[in-house]
């Protein structure tokens, strides 16, 4: 599992994040405090408090390419 902090404050960022994550078959979760949502679900992500940093958890051993694509959101 790989974990990193990201910021998705703008709706355009959420749309871009989801379009990237949907390209991959691995499990991707977003955490905000005690809340956890599917990182491929735009509705799930919009249910979180996007004004605070989020933690992305990627459950894959081969996710270097995905991490590179998500670098634009990294804190």
PDB file of N, CA and C in Angstrom:
ATOM      1  N   UNK A   1       0.841  -1.184   0.000  1.00  0.00           N
ATOM      2  CA  UNK A   1       0.000   0.000   0.000  1.00  0.00           C
ATOM      3  C   UNK A   1       0.883   1.243   0.000  1.00  0.00           C
ATOM      4  N   UNK A   2       0.477   2.220  -0.781  1.00  0.00           N
ATOM      5  CA  UNK A   2       1.151   3.517  -0.840  1.00  0.00           C
ATOM      6  C   UNK A   2       0.170   4.562  -0.341  1.00  0.00           C
ATOM      7  N   UNK A   3       0.654   5.481   0.474  1.00  0.00           N
ATOM      8  CA  UNK A   3      -0.192   6.527   1.029  1.00  0.00           C
ATOM      9  C   UNK A   3       0.465   7.876   0.789  1.00  0.00           C
ATOM     10  N   UNK A   4      -0.353   8.883   0.434  1.00  0.00           N
ATOM     11  CA  UNK A   4       0.176  10.233   0.253  1.00  0.00           C
ATOM     12  C   UNK A   4      -0.922  11.253   0.494  1.00  0.00           C
ATOM     13  N   UNK A   5      -0.518  12.455   0.891  1.00  0.00           N
ATOM     14  CA  UNK A   5      -1.450  13.549   1.140  1.00  0.00           C
ATOM     15  C   UNK A   5      -1.676  14.319  -0.152  1.00  0.00           C
ATOM     16  N   UNK A   6      -2.944  14.671  -0.390  1.00  0.00           N
ATOM     17  CA  UNK A   6      -3.295  15.444  -1.579  1.00  0.00           C
ATOM     18  C   UNK A   6      -4.265  16.556  -1.218  1.00  0.00           C
ATOM     19  N   UNK A   7      -4.410  17.492  -2.135  1.00  0.00           N
ATOM     20  CA  UNK A   7      -5.373  18.576  -2.004  1.00  0.00           C
ATOM     21  C   UNK A   7      -6.276  18.572  -3.237  1.00  0.00           C
ATOM     22  N   UNK A   8      -7.577  18.566  -3.004  1.00  0.00           N
ATOM     23  CA  UNK A   8      -8.563  18.580  -4.100  1.00  0.00           C
ATOM     24  C   UNK A   8      -9.593  19.683  -3.855  1.00  0.00           C
ATOM     25  N   UNK A   9      -9.124  20.901  -3.604  1.00  0.00           N
ATOM     26  CA  UNK A   9     -10.014  21.992  -3.222  1.00  0.00           C
ATOM     27  C   UNK A   9     -10.942  22.465  -4.339  1.00  0.00           C
ATOM     28  N   UNK A  10     -10.519  22.354  -5.584  1.00  0.00           N
ATOM     29  CA  UNK A  10     -11.339  22.843  -6.702  1.00  0.00           C
ATOM     30  C   UNK A  10     -12.066  21.688  -7.369  1.00  0.00           C
ATOM     31  N   UNK A  11     -13.259  21.944  -7.872  1.00  0.00           N
ATOM     32  CA  UNK A  11     -14.041  20.888  -8.516  1.00  0.00           C
ATOM     33  C   UNK A  11     -13.335  20.343  -9.759  1.00  0.00           C
ATOM     34  N   UNK A  12     -12.581  21.193 -10.458  1.00  0.00           N
ATOM     35  CA  UNK A  12     -11.823  20.726 -11.626  1.00  0.00           C
ATOM     36  C   UNK A  12     -10.773  19.698 -11.197  1.00  0.00           C
ATOM     37  N   UNK A  13     -10.184  19.894 -10.016  1.00  0.00           N
ATOM     38  CA  UNK A  13      -9.198  18.949  -9.504  1.00  0.00           C
ATOM     39  C   UNK A  13      -9.840  17.604  -9.196  1.00  0.00           C
ATOM     40  N   UNK A  14     -11.042  17.625  -8.647  1.00  0.00           N
ATOM     41  CA  UNK A  14     -11.746  16.373  -8.339  1.00  0.00           C
ATOM     42  C   UNK A  14     -12.037  15.620  -9.633  1.00  0.00           C
ATOM     43  N   UNK A  15     -12.520  16.323 -10.642  1.00  0.00           N
ATOM     44  CA  UNK A  15     -12.818  15.684 -11.933  1.00  0.00           C
ATOM     45  C   UNK A  15     -11.558  15.078 -12.546  1.00  0.00           C
ATOM     46  N   UNK A  16     -10.474  15.813 -12.508  1.00  0.00           N
ATOM     47  CA  UNK A  16      -9.202  15.309 -13.056  1.00  0.00           C
ATOM     48  C   UNK A  16      -8.711  14.106 -12.259  1.00  0.00           C
ATOM     49  N   UNK A  17      -8.789  14.177 -10.935  1.00  0.00           N
ATOM     50  CA  UNK A  17      -8.359  13.080 -10.067  1.00  0.00           C
ATOM     51  C   UNK A  17      -9.135  11.806 -10.396  1.00  0.00           C
ATOM     52  N   UNK A  18     -10.454  11.907 -10.518  1.00  0.00           N
ATOM     53  CA  UNK A  18     -11.292  10.746 -10.810  1.00  0.00           C
ATOM     54  C   UNK A  18     -10.983  10.197 -12.203  1.00  0.00           C
ATOM     55  N   UNK A  19     -10.769  11.067 -13.171  1.00  0.00           N
ATOM     56  CA  UNK A  19     -10.463  10.576 -14.526  1.00  0.00           C
ATOM     57  C   UNK A  19      -9.142   9.807 -14.532  1.00  0.00           C
ATOM     58  N   UNK A  20      -8.196  10.208 -13.707  1.00  0.00           N
ATOM     59  CA  UNK A  20      -6.924   9.487 -13.607  1.00  0.00           C
ATOM     60  C   UNK A  20      -7.117   8.157 -12.894  1.00  0.00           C
ATOM     61  N   UNK A  21      -7.769   8.173 -11.738  1.00  0.00           N
ATOM     62  CA  UNK A  21      -7.896   6.947 -10.936  1.00  0.00           C
ATOM     63  C   UNK A  21      -8.734   5.881 -11.625  1.00  0.00           C
ATOM     64  N   UNK A  22      -9.706   6.279 -12.444  1.00  0.00           N
ATOM     65  CA  UNK A  22     -10.560   5.297 -13.106  1.00  0.00           C
ATOM     66  C   UNK A  22      -9.816   4.490 -14.165  1.00  0.00           C
ATOM     67  N   UNK A  23      -8.630   4.931 -14.558  1.00  0.00           N
ATOM     68  CA  UNK A  23      -7.828   4.208 -15.541  1.00  0.00           C
ATOM     69  C   UNK A  23      -7.146   2.971 -14.947  1.00  0.00           C
ATOM     70  N   UNK A  24      -7.163   2.848 -13.613  1.00  0.00           N
ATOM     71  CA  UNK A  24      -6.415   1.791 -12.937  1.00  0.00           C
ATOM     72  C   UNK A  24      -7.351   0.816 -12.228  1.00  0.00           C
ATOM     73  N   UNK A  25      -6.974  -0.453 -12.242  1.00  0.00           N
ATOM     74  CA  UNK A  25      -7.801  -1.499 -11.655  1.00  0.00           C
ATOM     75  C   UNK A  25      -7.592  -1.709 -10.165  1.00  0.00           C
ATOM     76  N   UNK A  26      -6.566  -1.082  -9.602  1.00  0.00           N
ATOM     77  CA  UNK A  26      -6.286  -1.284  -8.178  1.00  0.00           C
ATOM     78  C   UNK A  26      -7.282  -0.503  -7.312  1.00  0.00           C
ATOM     79  N   UNK A  27      -7.338  -0.866  -6.044  1.00  0.00           N
ATOM     80  CA  UNK A  27      -8.220  -0.180  -5.109  1.00  0.00           C
ATOM     81  C   UNK A  27      -7.566   1.127  -4.676  1.00  0.00           C
ATOM     82  N   UNK A  28      -8.323   2.219  -4.747  1.00  0.00           N
ATOM     83  CA  UNK A  28      -7.834   3.542  -4.367  1.00  0.00           C
ATOM     84  C   UNK A  28      -8.858   4.150  -3.422  1.00  0.00           C
ATOM     85  N   UNK A  29      -8.404   4.490  -2.222  1.00  0.00           N
ATOM     86  CA  UNK A  29      -9.299   5.068  -1.213  1.00  0.00           C
ATOM     87  C   UNK A  29      -8.843   6.472  -0.877  1.00  0.00           C
ATOM     88  N   UNK A  30      -9.800   7.323  -0.498  1.00  0.00           N
ATOM     89  CA  UNK A  30      -9.509   8.670  -0.002  1.00  0.00           C
ATOM     90  C   UNK A  30     -10.013   8.759   1.429  1.00  0.00           C
ATOM     91  N   UNK A  31      -9.166   9.263   2.316  1.00  0.00           N
ATOM     92  CA  UNK A  31      -9.520   9.418   3.728  1.00  0.00           C
ATOM     93  C   UNK A  31      -9.517  10.888   4.108  1.00  0.00           C
ATOM     94  N   UNK A  32     -10.535  11.243   4.872  1.00  0.00           N
ATOM     95  CA  UNK A  32     -10.617  12.567   5.469  1.00  0.00           C
ATOM     96  C   UNK A  32     -11.109  12.359   6.893  1.00  0.00           C
ATOM     97  N   UNK A  33     -10.175  12.408   7.839  1.00  0.00           N
ATOM     98  CA  UNK A  33     -10.545  12.113   9.226  1.00  0.00           C
ATOM     99  C   UNK A  33     -11.002  10.678   9.334  1.00  0.00           C
ATOM    100  N   UNK A  34     -12.211  10.477   9.863  1.00  0.00           N
ATOM    101  CA  UNK A  34     -12.736   9.120  10.021  1.00  0.00           C
ATOM    102  C   UNK A  34     -13.516   8.637   8.796  1.00  0.00           C
ATOM    103  N   UNK A  35     -13.651   9.477   7.788  1.00  0.00           N
ATOM    104  CA  UNK A  35     -14.417   9.122   6.595  1.00  0.00           C
ATOM    105  C   UNK A  35     -13.512   8.561   5.507  1.00  0.00           C
ATOM    106  N   UNK A  36     -13.976   7.501   4.856  1.00  0.00           N
ATOM    107  CA  UNK A  36     -13.238   6.843   3.780  1.00  0.00           C
ATOM    108  C   UNK A  36     -14.179   6.645   2.603  1.00  0.00           C
ATOM    109  N   UNK A  37     -13.730   7.059   1.397  1.00  0.00           N
ATOM    110  CA  UNK A  37     -14.549   6.874   0.194  1.00  0.00           C
ATOM    111  C   UNK A  37     -13.696   6.263  -0.911  1.00  0.00           C
ATOM    112  N   UNK A  38     -14.363   5.722  -1.898  1.00  0.00           N
ATOM    113  CA  UNK A  38     -13.710   5.178  -3.083  1.00  0.00           C
ATOM    114  C   UNK A  38     -13.083   6.329  -3.871  1.00  0.00           C
ATOM    115  N   UNK A  39     -11.802   6.225  -4.174  1.00  0.00           N
ATOM    116  CA  UNK A  39     -11.097   7.274  -4.901  1.00  0.00           C
ATOM    117  C   UNK A  39     -11.477   7.383  -6.361  1.00  0.00           C
ATOM    118  N   UNK A  40     -12.373   6.504  -6.822  1.00  0.00           N
ATOM    119  CA  UNK A  40     -12.840   6.540  -8.208  1.00  0.00           C
ATOM    120  C   UNK A  40     -14.268   7.072  -8.303  1.00  0.00           C
ATOM    121  N   UNK A  41     -14.838   7.466  -7.156  1.00  0.00           N
ATOM    122  CA  UNK A  41     -16.224   7.916  -7.091  1.00  0.00           C
ATOM    123  C   UNK A  41     -16.289   9.426  -6.922  1.00  0.00           C
ATOM    124  N   UNK A  42     -16.745  10.112  -7.953  1.00  0.00           N
ATOM    125  CA  UNK A  42     -16.824  11.573  -7.883  1.00  0.00           C
ATOM    126  C   UNK A  42     -17.817  12.016  -6.805  1.00  0.00           C
ATOM    127  N   UNK A  43     -18.933  11.303  -6.665  1.00  0.00           N
ATOM    128  CA  UNK A  43     -19.911  11.656  -5.631  1.00  0.00           C
ATOM    129  C   UNK A  43     -19.349  11.401  -4.242  1.00  0.00           C
ATOM    130  N   UNK A  44     -18.619  10.310  -4.093  1.00  0.00           N
ATOM    131  CA  UNK A  44     -18.001  10.014  -2.804  1.00  0.00           C
ATOM    132  C   UNK A  44     -17.004  11.082  -2.409  1.00  0.00           C
ATOM    133  N   UNK A  45     -16.194  11.512  -3.357  1.00  0.00           N
ATOM    134  CA  UNK A  45     -15.184  12.529  -3.069  1.00  0.00           C
ATOM    135  C   UNK A  45     -15.842  13.854  -2.712  1.00  0.00           C
ATOM    136  N   UNK A  46     -16.902  14.228  -3.410  1.00  0.00           N
ATOM    137  CA  UNK A  46     -17.585  15.485  -3.106  1.00  0.00           C
ATOM    138  C   UNK A  46     -18.299  15.445  -1.754  1.00  0.00           C
ATOM    139  N   UNK A  47     -18.462  14.258  -1.166  1.00  0.00           N
ATOM    140  CA  UNK A  47     -19.080  14.169   0.161  1.00  0.00           C
ATOM    141  C   UNK A  47     -18.074  14.469   1.272  1.00  0.00           C
ATOM    142  N   UNK A  48     -16.788  14.566   0.927  1.00  0.00           N
ATOM    143  CA  UNK A  48     -15.750  14.861   1.908  1.00  0.00           C
ATOM    144  C   UNK A  48     -15.552  16.369   2.050  1.00  0.00           C
ATOM    145  N   UNK A  49     -14.894  16.768   3.135  1.00  0.00           N
ATOM    146  CA  UNK A  49     -14.523  18.166   3.342  1.00  0.00           C
ATOM    147  C   UNK A  49     -13.259  18.428   2.514  1.00  0.00           C
ATOM    148  N   UNK A  50     -13.424  19.019   1.353  1.00  0.00           N
ATOM    149  CA  UNK A  50     -12.312  19.217   0.423  1.00  0.00           C
ATOM    150  C   UNK A  50     -11.430  20.416   0.775  1.00  0.00           C
ATOM    151  N   UNK A  51     -11.806  21.161   1.795  1.00  0.00           N
ATOM    152  CA  UNK A  51     -10.975  22.291   2.206  1.00  0.00           C
ATOM    153  C   UNK A  51      -9.765  21.830   3.016  1.00  0.00           C
ATOM    154  N   UNK A  52      -9.768  20.571   3.439  1.00  0.00           N
ATOM    155  CA  UNK A  52      -8.663  20.008   4.218  1.00  0.00           C
ATOM    156  C   UNK A  52      -7.895  19.003   3.361  1.00  0.00           C
ATOM    157  N   UNK A  53      -6.630  18.765   3.718  1.00  0.00           N
ATOM    158  CA  UNK A  53      -5.862  17.746   2.989  1.00  0.00           C
ATOM    159  C   UNK A  53      -6.494  16.363   3.126  1.00  0.00           C
ATOM    160  N   UNK A  54      -6.396  15.557   2.081  1.00  0.00           N
ATOM    161  CA  UNK A  54      -6.917  14.196   2.069  1.00  0.00           C
ATOM    162  C   UNK A  54      -5.756  13.224   1.970  1.00  0.00           C
ATOM    163  N   UNK A  55      -5.980  12.006   2.420  1.00  0.00           N
ATOM    164  CA  UNK A  55      -4.968  10.964   2.295  1.00  0.00           C
ATOM    165  C   UNK A  55      -5.432   9.970   1.248  1.00  0.00           C
ATOM    166  N   UNK A  56      -4.609   9.752   0.235  1.00  0.00           N
ATOM    167  CA  UNK A  56      -4.894   8.755  -0.796  1.00  0.00           C
ATOM    168  C   UNK A  56      -4.176   7.478  -0.407  1.00  0.00           C
ATOM    169  N   UNK A  57      -4.886   6.355  -0.444  1.00  0.00           N
ATOM    170  CA  UNK A  57      -4.285   5.051  -0.200  1.00  0.00           C
ATOM    171  C   UNK A  57      -4.455   4.206  -1.453  1.00  0.00           C
ATOM    172  N   UNK A  58      -3.349   3.750  -2.003  1.00  0.00           N
ATOM    173  CA  UNK A  58      -3.351   2.954  -3.226  1.00  0.00           C
ATOM    174  C   UNK A  58      -2.910   1.547  -2.873  1.00  0.00           C
ATOM    175  N   UNK A  59      -3.763   0.584  -3.141  1.00  0.00           N
ATOM    176  CA  UNK A  59      -3.483  -0.806  -2.805  1.00  0.00           C
ATOM    177  C   UNK A  59      -3.002  -1.550  -4.040  1.00  0.00           C
ATOM    178  N   UNK A  60      -1.713  -1.394  -4.311  1.00  0.00           N
ATOM    179  CA  UNK A  60      -1.087  -2.044  -5.463  1.00  0.00           C
ATOM    180  C   UNK A  60       0.419  -2.030  -5.259  1.00  0.00           C
ATOM    181  N   UNK A  61       1.089  -3.061  -5.733  1.00  0.00           N
ATOM    182  CA  UNK A  61       2.549  -3.107  -5.659  1.00  0.00           C
ATOM    183  C   UNK A  61       3.185  -2.392  -6.849  1.00  0.00           C
ATOM    184  N   UNK A  62       2.425  -2.225  -7.919  1.00  0.00           N
ATOM    185  CA  UNK A  62       2.941  -1.615  -9.138  1.00  0.00           C
ATOM    186  C   UNK A  62       2.131  -0.360  -9.455  1.00  0.00           C
ATOM    187  N   UNK A  63       2.434   0.722  -8.738  1.00  0.00           N
ATOM    188  CA  UNK A  63       1.620   1.932  -8.914  1.00  0.00           C
ATOM    189  C   UNK A  63       2.474   3.173  -9.172  1.00  0.00           C
ATOM    190  N   UNK A  64       3.695   3.003  -9.627  1.00  0.00           N
ATOM    191  CA  UNK A  64       4.588   4.139  -9.865  1.00  0.00           C
ATOM    192  C   UNK A  64       4.022   5.120 -10.887  1.00  0.00           C
ATOM    193  N   UNK A  65       3.442   4.586 -11.951  1.00  0.00           N
ATOM    194  CA  UNK A  65       2.864   5.448 -12.988  1.00  0.00           C
ATOM    195  C   UNK A  65       1.697   6.258 -12.429  1.00  0.00           C
ATOM    196  N   UNK A  66       0.850   5.615 -11.637  1.00  0.00           N
ATOM    197  CA  UNK A  66      -0.291   6.300 -11.019  1.00  0.00           C
ATOM    198  C   UNK A  66       0.195   7.390 -10.073  1.00  0.00           C
ATOM    199  N   UNK A  67       1.198   7.115  -9.283  1.00  0.00           N
ATOM    200  CA  UNK A  67       1.733   8.104  -8.348  1.00  0.00           C
ATOM    201  C   UNK A  67       2.272   9.316  -9.107  1.00  0.00           C
ATOM    202  N   UNK A  68       2.924   9.083 -10.234  1.00  0.00           N
ATOM    203  CA  UNK A  68       3.428  10.188 -11.063  1.00  0.00           C
ATOM    204  C   UNK A  68       2.283  11.055 -11.576  1.00  0.00           C
ATOM    205  N   UNK A  69       1.199  10.406 -12.005  1.00  0.00           N
ATOM    206  CA  UNK A  69       0.056  11.167 -12.525  1.00  0.00           C
ATOM    207  C   UNK A  69      -0.646  11.957 -11.426  1.00  0.00           C
ATOM    208  N   UNK A  70      -0.643  11.427 -10.202  1.00  0.00           N
ATOM    209  CA  UNK A  70      -1.311  12.107  -9.088  1.00  0.00           C
ATOM    210  C   UNK A  70      -0.425  13.157  -8.419  1.00  0.00           C
ATOM    211  N   UNK A  71       0.829  13.287  -8.873  1.00  0.00           N
ATOM    212  CA  UNK A  71       1.776  14.233  -8.263  1.00  0.00           C
ATOM    213  C   UNK A  71       1.278  15.675  -8.308  1.00  0.00           C
ATOM    214  N   UNK A  72       0.473  16.022  -9.284  1.00  0.00           N
ATOM    215  CA  UNK A  72      -0.031  17.389  -9.390  1.00  0.00           C
ATOM    216  C   UNK A  72      -0.934  17.775  -8.212  1.00  0.00           C
ATOM    217  N   UNK A  73      -1.470  16.789  -7.489  1.00  0.00           N
ATOM    218  CA  UNK A  73      -2.351  17.048  -6.351  1.00  0.00           C
ATOM    219  C   UNK A  73      -1.639  16.913  -5.015  1.00  0.00           C
ATOM    220  N   UNK A  74      -0.404  16.422  -5.046  1.00  0.00           N
ATOM    221  CA  UNK A  74       0.346  16.106  -3.823  1.00  0.00           C
ATOM    222  C   UNK A  74       0.693  17.352  -3.027  1.00  0.00           C
ATOM    223  N   UNK A  75       0.668  17.204  -1.719  1.00  0.00           N
ATOM    224  CA  UNK A  75       1.067  18.293  -0.826  1.00  0.00           C
ATOM    225  C   UNK A  75       2.501  18.136  -0.402  1.00  0.00           C
TER     226      UNK A  75
END
